[in-house]
N, C-alpha and C. Protein backbone atom coordinates (compact mmCIF):
# COMPACT_ATOMS: atom_id res chain seq x y z
N MET A 1 9.86 34.53 93.84
CA MET A 1 11.22 34.39 94.34
C MET A 1 12.20 35.17 93.46
N GLN A 2 12.09 35.01 92.14
CA GLN A 2 13.01 35.67 91.22
C GLN A 2 12.87 37.19 91.31
N GLN A 3 11.65 37.70 91.42
CA GLN A 3 11.43 39.14 91.53
C GLN A 3 12.02 39.69 92.82
N ASP A 4 11.93 38.93 93.91
CA ASP A 4 12.53 39.36 95.17
C ASP A 4 14.03 39.50 95.03
N LEU A 5 14.64 38.56 94.36
CA LEU A 5 16.09 38.59 94.14
C LEU A 5 16.47 39.81 93.31
N VAL A 6 15.72 40.07 92.27
CA VAL A 6 15.98 41.22 91.41
C VAL A 6 15.84 42.52 92.20
N GLN A 7 14.82 42.62 93.02
CA GLN A 7 14.61 43.83 93.82
C GLN A 7 15.73 44.01 94.84
N LYS A 8 16.19 42.93 95.46
CA LYS A 8 17.30 43.02 96.41
C LYS A 8 18.56 43.55 95.73
N ILE A 9 18.81 43.03 94.54
CA ILE A 9 20.01 43.47 93.80
C ILE A 9 19.88 44.93 93.41
N LYS A 10 18.72 45.33 92.92
CA LYS A 10 18.53 46.72 92.48
C LYS A 10 18.61 47.71 93.64
N GLN A 11 18.31 47.28 94.85
CA GLN A 11 18.34 48.17 96.00
C GLN A 11 19.71 48.22 96.66
N ASP A 12 20.60 47.35 96.27
CA ASP A 12 21.94 47.29 96.87
C ASP A 12 22.78 48.48 96.40
N PRO A 13 23.38 49.24 97.33
CA PRO A 13 24.23 50.37 96.92
C PRO A 13 25.47 49.92 96.14
N ASN A 14 25.96 48.72 96.43
CA ASN A 14 27.10 48.21 95.66
C ASN A 14 26.73 48.00 94.19
N TYR A 15 25.50 47.60 93.94
CA TYR A 15 25.04 47.43 92.57
C TYR A 15 25.04 48.76 91.82
N HIS A 16 24.54 49.80 92.48
CA HIS A 16 24.52 51.13 91.85
C HIS A 16 25.94 51.64 91.61
N GLN A 17 26.81 51.37 92.55
CA GLN A 17 28.21 51.78 92.39
C GLN A 17 28.85 51.02 91.22
N LEU A 18 28.58 49.72 91.14
CA LEU A 18 29.12 48.90 90.05
C LEU A 18 28.65 49.41 88.69
N VAL A 19 27.37 49.64 88.57
CA VAL A 19 26.81 50.10 87.30
C VAL A 19 27.39 51.46 86.92
N ARG A 20 27.47 52.37 87.88
CA ARG A 20 27.97 53.72 87.62
C ARG A 20 29.45 53.68 87.20
N GLN A 21 30.27 52.97 87.96
CA GLN A 21 31.70 52.93 87.66
C GLN A 21 31.98 52.22 86.34
N ARG A 22 31.32 51.09 86.12
CA ARG A 22 31.57 50.33 84.90
C ARG A 22 31.11 51.11 83.67
N SER A 23 29.98 51.77 83.77
CA SER A 23 29.49 52.56 82.63
C SER A 23 30.42 53.73 82.33
N ARG A 24 30.80 54.45 83.36
CA ARG A 24 31.66 55.61 83.17
C ARG A 24 33.01 55.19 82.56
N PHE A 25 33.60 54.13 83.10
CA PHE A 25 34.89 53.67 82.60
C PHE A 25 34.77 53.12 81.18
N GLY A 26 33.69 52.40 80.91
CA GLY A 26 33.47 51.87 79.57
C GLY A 26 33.32 52.98 78.54
N TRP A 27 32.58 54.02 78.88
CA TRP A 27 32.41 55.14 77.95
C TRP A 27 33.71 55.90 77.76
N LEU A 28 34.51 56.02 78.80
CA LEU A 28 35.81 56.69 78.68
C LEU A 28 36.71 55.93 77.70
N LEU A 29 36.81 54.62 77.89
CA LEU A 29 37.65 53.83 76.99
C LEU A 29 37.09 53.81 75.57
N THR A 30 35.78 53.78 75.45
CA THR A 30 35.16 53.83 74.12
C THR A 30 35.49 55.14 73.43
N SER A 31 35.41 56.24 74.17
CA SER A 31 35.73 57.55 73.60
C SER A 31 37.18 57.61 73.13
N LEU A 32 38.09 57.12 73.97
CA LEU A 32 39.50 57.12 73.59
C LEU A 32 39.73 56.28 72.33
N MET A 33 39.10 55.12 72.29
CA MET A 33 39.27 54.24 71.13
C MET A 33 38.71 54.88 69.87
N MET A 34 37.57 55.54 70.00
CA MET A 34 36.97 56.18 68.83
C MET A 34 37.82 57.35 68.33
N VAL A 35 38.40 58.11 69.25
CA VAL A 35 39.28 59.22 68.85
C VAL A 35 40.48 58.68 68.07
N VAL A 36 41.10 57.64 68.59
CA VAL A 36 42.27 57.07 67.92
C VAL A 36 41.87 56.47 66.56
N TYR A 37 40.83 55.65 66.54
CA TYR A 37 40.45 54.98 65.30
C TYR A 37 39.97 55.99 64.25
N TYR A 38 39.03 56.85 64.62
CA TYR A 38 38.52 57.80 63.63
C TYR A 38 39.56 58.86 63.27
N GLY A 39 40.46 59.15 64.19
CA GLY A 39 41.58 60.03 63.84
C GLY A 39 42.42 59.42 62.74
N TYR A 40 42.67 58.13 62.84
CA TYR A 40 43.43 57.43 61.81
C TYR A 40 42.67 57.41 60.48
N ILE A 41 41.38 57.14 60.55
CA ILE A 41 40.56 57.13 59.33
C ILE A 41 40.53 58.52 58.69
N LEU A 42 40.39 59.56 59.50
CA LEU A 42 40.40 60.92 58.95
C LEU A 42 41.75 61.27 58.36
N LEU A 43 42.81 60.79 58.98
CA LEU A 43 44.15 61.01 58.44
C LEU A 43 44.28 60.33 57.07
N ILE A 44 43.74 59.13 56.96
CA ILE A 44 43.75 58.43 55.66
C ILE A 44 42.96 59.22 54.63
N ALA A 45 41.82 59.76 55.04
CA ALA A 45 40.94 60.46 54.10
C ALA A 45 41.51 61.81 53.66
N PHE A 46 42.12 62.54 54.59
CA PHE A 46 42.47 63.93 54.28
C PHE A 46 43.96 64.22 54.16
N ASP A 47 44.83 63.29 54.55
CA ASP A 47 46.27 63.56 54.44
C ASP A 47 47.02 62.31 54.01
N LYS A 48 46.67 61.81 52.85
CA LYS A 48 47.33 60.61 52.32
C LYS A 48 48.81 60.84 52.09
N GLU A 49 49.17 62.07 51.76
CA GLU A 49 50.57 62.37 51.48
C GLU A 49 51.44 62.15 52.73
N PHE A 50 50.92 62.52 53.89
CA PHE A 50 51.67 62.32 55.13
C PHE A 50 51.86 60.83 55.40
N LEU A 51 50.80 60.06 55.25
CA LEU A 51 50.90 58.62 55.50
C LEU A 51 51.79 57.93 54.48
N ALA A 52 51.89 58.47 53.28
CA ALA A 52 52.73 57.87 52.24
C ALA A 52 54.18 58.33 52.33
N ALA A 53 54.46 59.34 53.16
CA ALA A 53 55.83 59.84 53.29
C ALA A 53 56.70 58.82 54.00
N LYS A 54 57.90 58.67 53.53
CA LYS A 54 58.83 57.71 54.12
C LYS A 54 59.35 58.22 55.46
N THR A 55 59.58 57.27 56.38
CA THR A 55 60.06 57.65 57.71
C THR A 55 61.56 57.90 57.73
N GLY A 56 62.27 57.39 56.79
CA GLY A 56 63.73 57.57 56.72
C GLY A 56 64.20 57.23 55.33
N THR A 57 65.33 56.58 55.28
CA THR A 57 65.88 56.23 53.97
C THR A 57 65.37 54.88 53.48
N GLY A 58 64.65 54.16 54.32
CA GLY A 58 64.13 52.84 53.95
C GLY A 58 62.83 52.93 53.16
N VAL A 59 62.07 51.85 53.21
CA VAL A 59 60.83 51.79 52.45
C VAL A 59 59.60 52.00 53.33
N MET A 60 59.76 52.06 54.64
CA MET A 60 58.61 52.20 55.53
C MET A 60 58.05 53.62 55.48
N THR A 61 56.71 53.71 55.43
CA THR A 61 56.03 55.00 55.44
C THR A 61 55.43 55.25 56.82
N TRP A 62 54.95 56.46 57.05
CA TRP A 62 54.34 56.81 58.34
C TRP A 62 53.05 56.05 58.60
N GLY A 63 52.39 55.61 57.55
CA GLY A 63 51.14 54.88 57.72
C GLY A 63 51.31 53.56 58.46
N MET A 64 52.44 52.93 58.29
CA MET A 64 52.67 51.62 58.93
C MET A 64 52.79 51.73 60.46
N PRO A 65 53.66 52.58 61.00
CA PRO A 65 53.73 52.65 62.47
C PRO A 65 52.47 53.26 63.09
N ILE A 66 51.82 54.17 62.39
CA ILE A 66 50.58 54.75 62.94
C ILE A 66 49.48 53.68 62.95
N GLY A 67 49.38 52.88 61.90
CA GLY A 67 48.41 51.78 61.86
C GLY A 67 48.71 50.75 62.94
N LEU A 68 49.99 50.45 63.14
CA LEU A 68 50.38 49.52 64.21
C LEU A 68 50.01 50.10 65.57
N PHE A 69 50.18 51.40 65.74
CA PHE A 69 49.79 52.05 67.00
C PHE A 69 48.31 51.85 67.28
N VAL A 70 47.47 51.99 66.25
CA VAL A 70 46.03 51.81 66.44
C VAL A 70 45.74 50.39 66.92
N ILE A 71 46.40 49.40 66.34
CA ILE A 71 46.19 48.01 66.75
C ILE A 71 46.68 47.78 68.17
N VAL A 72 47.87 48.25 68.49
CA VAL A 72 48.43 48.08 69.84
C VAL A 72 47.57 48.82 70.86
N PHE A 73 47.10 50.00 70.52
CA PHE A 73 46.24 50.77 71.43
C PHE A 73 44.96 50.01 71.74
N THR A 74 44.40 49.34 70.73
CA THR A 74 43.20 48.54 70.94
C THR A 74 43.46 47.41 71.93
N VAL A 75 44.58 46.74 71.78
CA VAL A 75 44.93 45.65 72.69
C VAL A 75 45.15 46.20 74.11
N LEU A 76 45.82 47.34 74.23
CA LEU A 76 46.06 47.94 75.54
C LEU A 76 44.76 48.36 76.22
N VAL A 77 43.85 48.96 75.48
CA VAL A 77 42.57 49.38 76.04
C VAL A 77 41.79 48.16 76.54
N THR A 78 41.82 47.09 75.76
CA THR A 78 41.16 45.85 76.18
C THR A 78 41.80 45.30 77.44
N GLY A 79 43.12 45.30 77.50
CA GLY A 79 43.82 44.82 78.69
C GLY A 79 43.52 45.66 79.92
N ILE A 80 43.44 46.96 79.74
CA ILE A 80 43.12 47.85 80.86
C ILE A 80 41.73 47.56 81.39
N TYR A 81 40.78 47.36 80.49
CA TYR A 81 39.41 47.06 80.93
C TYR A 81 39.36 45.72 81.65
N VAL A 82 40.00 44.71 81.10
CA VAL A 82 39.98 43.38 81.71
C VAL A 82 40.62 43.42 83.09
N ARG A 83 41.72 44.14 83.22
CA ARG A 83 42.38 44.25 84.53
C ARG A 83 41.46 44.90 85.55
N ARG A 84 40.81 45.98 85.16
CA ARG A 84 39.89 46.66 86.08
C ARG A 84 38.70 45.76 86.40
N ALA A 85 38.18 45.07 85.40
CA ALA A 85 37.03 44.19 85.63
C ALA A 85 37.40 43.06 86.58
N ASN A 86 38.59 42.51 86.43
CA ASN A 86 39.00 41.40 87.29
C ASN A 86 39.30 41.83 88.71
N SER A 87 39.62 43.08 88.92
CA SER A 87 39.93 43.52 90.29
C SER A 87 38.73 44.22 90.92
N LYS A 88 38.38 45.39 90.45
CA LYS A 88 37.32 46.19 91.06
C LYS A 88 35.93 45.62 90.84
N TYR A 89 35.59 45.34 89.60
CA TYR A 89 34.22 44.96 89.28
C TYR A 89 33.88 43.57 89.81
N ASP A 90 34.82 42.66 89.77
CA ASP A 90 34.56 41.33 90.33
C ASP A 90 34.36 41.40 91.84
N ALA A 91 35.14 42.26 92.51
CA ALA A 91 34.98 42.40 93.96
C ALA A 91 33.59 42.96 94.31
N LEU A 92 33.15 43.95 93.56
CA LEU A 92 31.81 44.50 93.79
C LEU A 92 30.72 43.47 93.49
N THR A 93 30.91 42.70 92.44
CA THR A 93 29.93 41.66 92.11
C THR A 93 29.85 40.61 93.20
N GLN A 94 30.99 40.21 93.73
CA GLN A 94 31.00 39.23 94.82
C GLN A 94 30.35 39.79 96.08
N ALA A 95 30.56 41.07 96.34
CA ALA A 95 29.93 41.70 97.51
C ALA A 95 28.41 41.72 97.34
N ILE A 96 27.95 41.99 96.14
CA ILE A 96 26.50 41.99 95.87
C ILE A 96 25.95 40.57 96.05
N GLN A 97 26.63 39.60 95.50
CA GLN A 97 26.17 38.21 95.62
C GLN A 97 26.13 37.76 97.06
N ALA A 98 27.13 38.12 97.84
CA ALA A 98 27.18 37.71 99.25
C ALA A 98 26.02 38.33 100.03
N LYS A 99 25.74 39.60 99.74
CA LYS A 99 24.67 40.29 100.46
C LYS A 99 23.30 39.72 100.07
N VAL A 100 23.12 39.39 98.81
CA VAL A 100 21.83 38.88 98.35
C VAL A 100 21.59 37.46 98.87
N GLN A 101 22.63 36.66 98.93
CA GLN A 101 22.49 35.27 99.37
C GLN A 101 22.27 35.18 100.87
N ALA A 102 22.67 36.19 101.60
CA ALA A 102 22.54 36.15 103.08
C ALA A 102 21.11 36.32 103.52
């Protein structure tokens, strides 16, 4: 019984679409996150003077807003994925479940 269910799911075109879209989108967001994060790390490693430079007449340096950007970007990327998962991917999953249960 369990193998039949697995085979039905694997043969469903919605399943293939779900896997393809989710993987592609996940890798895109992962790539963006890695560029931002490793860009920041490389900036720390190779241009400390820029990060230590003051943004104005106060005490804040460029490292603080850029570091905050990395954190905010992470939260935004997570929110974007969750929003897509709750709309597109959940709909595809429900379509697969409905077809398999029928």
